[in-house]
Amino acid sequence: MSAPTNPNAPDVIRSAYAQLAVTDLGAARWFWVDMLGFYVQYEDKNSLYLRGTDELTHHSLVLRKGDIAALDHLSYRVRTPRTSTRRRSSSPTSAGR
């Protein structure tokens, strides 16, 4: 793999998980678990933590009850914890903090 062309780009190894807001947790469970075959790793009344068959991490998808259906956030694995701190402090949005 080639090095990033932007020196401020995070040193991302791979994606970690996605978190979706869903309006109907029961319908979302039917789709992701019953239809697509994801495995429930943890659940409570407001969330489901899911993973696929061959995944080694605890979860790769989080479904949380929300007022509107939306992508809440994406998470990535970076090479070192320092990478995350260094990149965040040099981002354009952190300049005014």
Protein backbone atom coordinates (compact mmCIF):
# COMPACT_ATOMS: atom_id res chain seq x y z
CA MET A 1 0.00 0.00 0.00
CA SER A 2 1.33 3.46 -0.84
CA ALA A 3 1.82 6.18 1.73
CA PRO A 4 -0.87 8.87 1.99
CA THR A 5 -0.18 11.92 -0.17
CA ASN A 6 -1.44 14.23 2.57
CA PRO A 7 0.95 14.27 5.56
CA ASN A 8 -1.96 15.16 7.87
CA ALA A 9 -4.05 12.18 6.76
CA PRO A 10 -4.77 9.73 9.60
CA ASP A 11 -2.85 6.45 9.54
CA VAL A 12 -6.00 4.32 9.17
CA ILE A 13 -5.52 0.55 9.24
CA ARG A 14 -9.15 -0.43 8.61
CA SER A 15 -12.72 0.45 9.42
CA ALA A 16 -13.91 -0.44 12.92
CA TYR A 17 -17.68 -0.01 13.00
CA ALA A 18 -20.61 2.05 11.78
CA GLN A 19 -23.37 3.35 14.00
CA LEU A 20 -26.83 3.91 12.56
CA ALA A 21 -29.80 5.65 14.15
CA VAL A 22 -33.00 3.69 13.45
CA THR A 23 -36.60 4.63 14.17
CA ASP A 24 -37.79 1.05 14.69
CA LEU A 25 -35.29 -1.20 16.43
CA GLY A 26 -37.46 -4.30 15.94
CA ALA A 27 -37.67 -3.78 12.17
CA ALA A 28 -33.93 -3.05 12.03
CA ARG A 29 -33.22 -6.26 13.96
CA TRP A 30 -35.39 -8.22 11.51
CA PHE A 31 -33.47 -6.81 8.54
CA TRP A 32 -29.89 -7.01 9.86
CA VAL A 33 -30.18 -10.20 11.95
CA ASP A 34 -32.98 -12.30 10.44
CA MET A 35 -32.55 -11.33 6.78
CA LEU A 36 -28.81 -10.55 6.45
CA GLY A 37 -27.52 -12.95 9.12
CA PHE A 38 -25.61 -10.61 11.44
CA TYR A 39 -25.01 -11.90 14.99
CA VAL A 40 -26.20 -10.02 18.07
CA GLN A 41 -23.27 -9.47 20.43
CA TYR A 42 -25.09 -7.25 22.91
CA GLU A 43 -28.49 -5.61 23.13
CA ASP A 44 -30.54 -3.43 25.42
CA LYS A 45 -33.83 -1.57 24.95
CA ASN A 46 -32.22 1.17 22.82
CA SER A 47 -29.39 -0.54 20.93
CA LEU A 48 -28.06 -3.62 19.14
CA TYR A 49 -24.37 -4.41 18.67
CA LEU A 50 -23.88 -6.69 15.66
CA ARG A 51 -21.08 -8.50 13.86
CA GLY A 52 -20.76 -10.59 10.73
CA THR A 53 -19.82 -14.28 10.58
CA ASP A 54 -16.05 -13.99 10.02
CA GLU A 55 -15.37 -10.88 12.08
CA LEU A 56 -12.96 -11.10 14.99
CA THR A 57 -13.99 -7.89 16.75
CA HIS A 58 -16.90 -7.61 19.17
CA HIS A 59 -19.07 -5.66 16.72
CA SER A 60 -18.94 -3.90 13.36
CA LEU A 61 -22.40 -2.34 13.38
CA VAL A 62 -24.31 -0.55 16.12
CA LEU A 63 -28.01 0.19 15.73
CA ARG A 64 -29.41 2.77 18.13
CA LYS A 65 -32.98 3.96 18.54
CA GLY A 66 -33.35 7.51 17.21
CA ASP A 67 -35.96 10.03 16.14
CA ILE A 68 -34.84 9.91 12.50
CA ALA A 69 -33.02 7.23 10.50
CA ALA A 70 -29.45 8.35 9.85
CA LEU A 71 -25.79 7.43 9.77
CA ASP A 72 -24.64 8.51 13.23
CA HIS A 73 -20.92 7.96 12.72
CA LEU A 74 -18.16 5.76 11.30
CA SER A 75 -15.20 4.58 13.34
CA TYR A 76 -11.74 3.59 12.12
CA ARG A 77 -8.79 1.70 13.58
CA VAL A 78 -5.58 3.72 13.45
CA ARG A 79 -2.03 2.42 13.78
CA THR A 80 -1.35 4.00 17.20
CA PRO A 81 -3.34 6.06 19.74
CA ARG A 82 -0.88 8.91 19.11
CA THR A 83 -1.97 8.96 15.45
CA SER A 84 -5.52 9.79 16.48
CA THR A 85 -4.46 12.61 18.83
CA ARG A 86 -1.92 14.07 16.40
CA ARG A 87 -4.32 14.10 13.46
CA ARG A 88 -7.22 15.52 15.46
CA SER A 89 -5.10 18.42 16.73
CA SER A 90 -4.05 19.32 13.18
CA SER A 91 -7.52 19.16 11.60
CA PRO A 92 -9.08 22.36 10.21
CA THR A 93 -12.01 22.13 12.62
CA SER A 94 -9.74 22.03 15.69
CA ALA A 95 -8.01 25.32 14.83
CA GLY A 96 -10.56 27.44 16.69
CA ARG A 97 -10.58 25.33 19.84
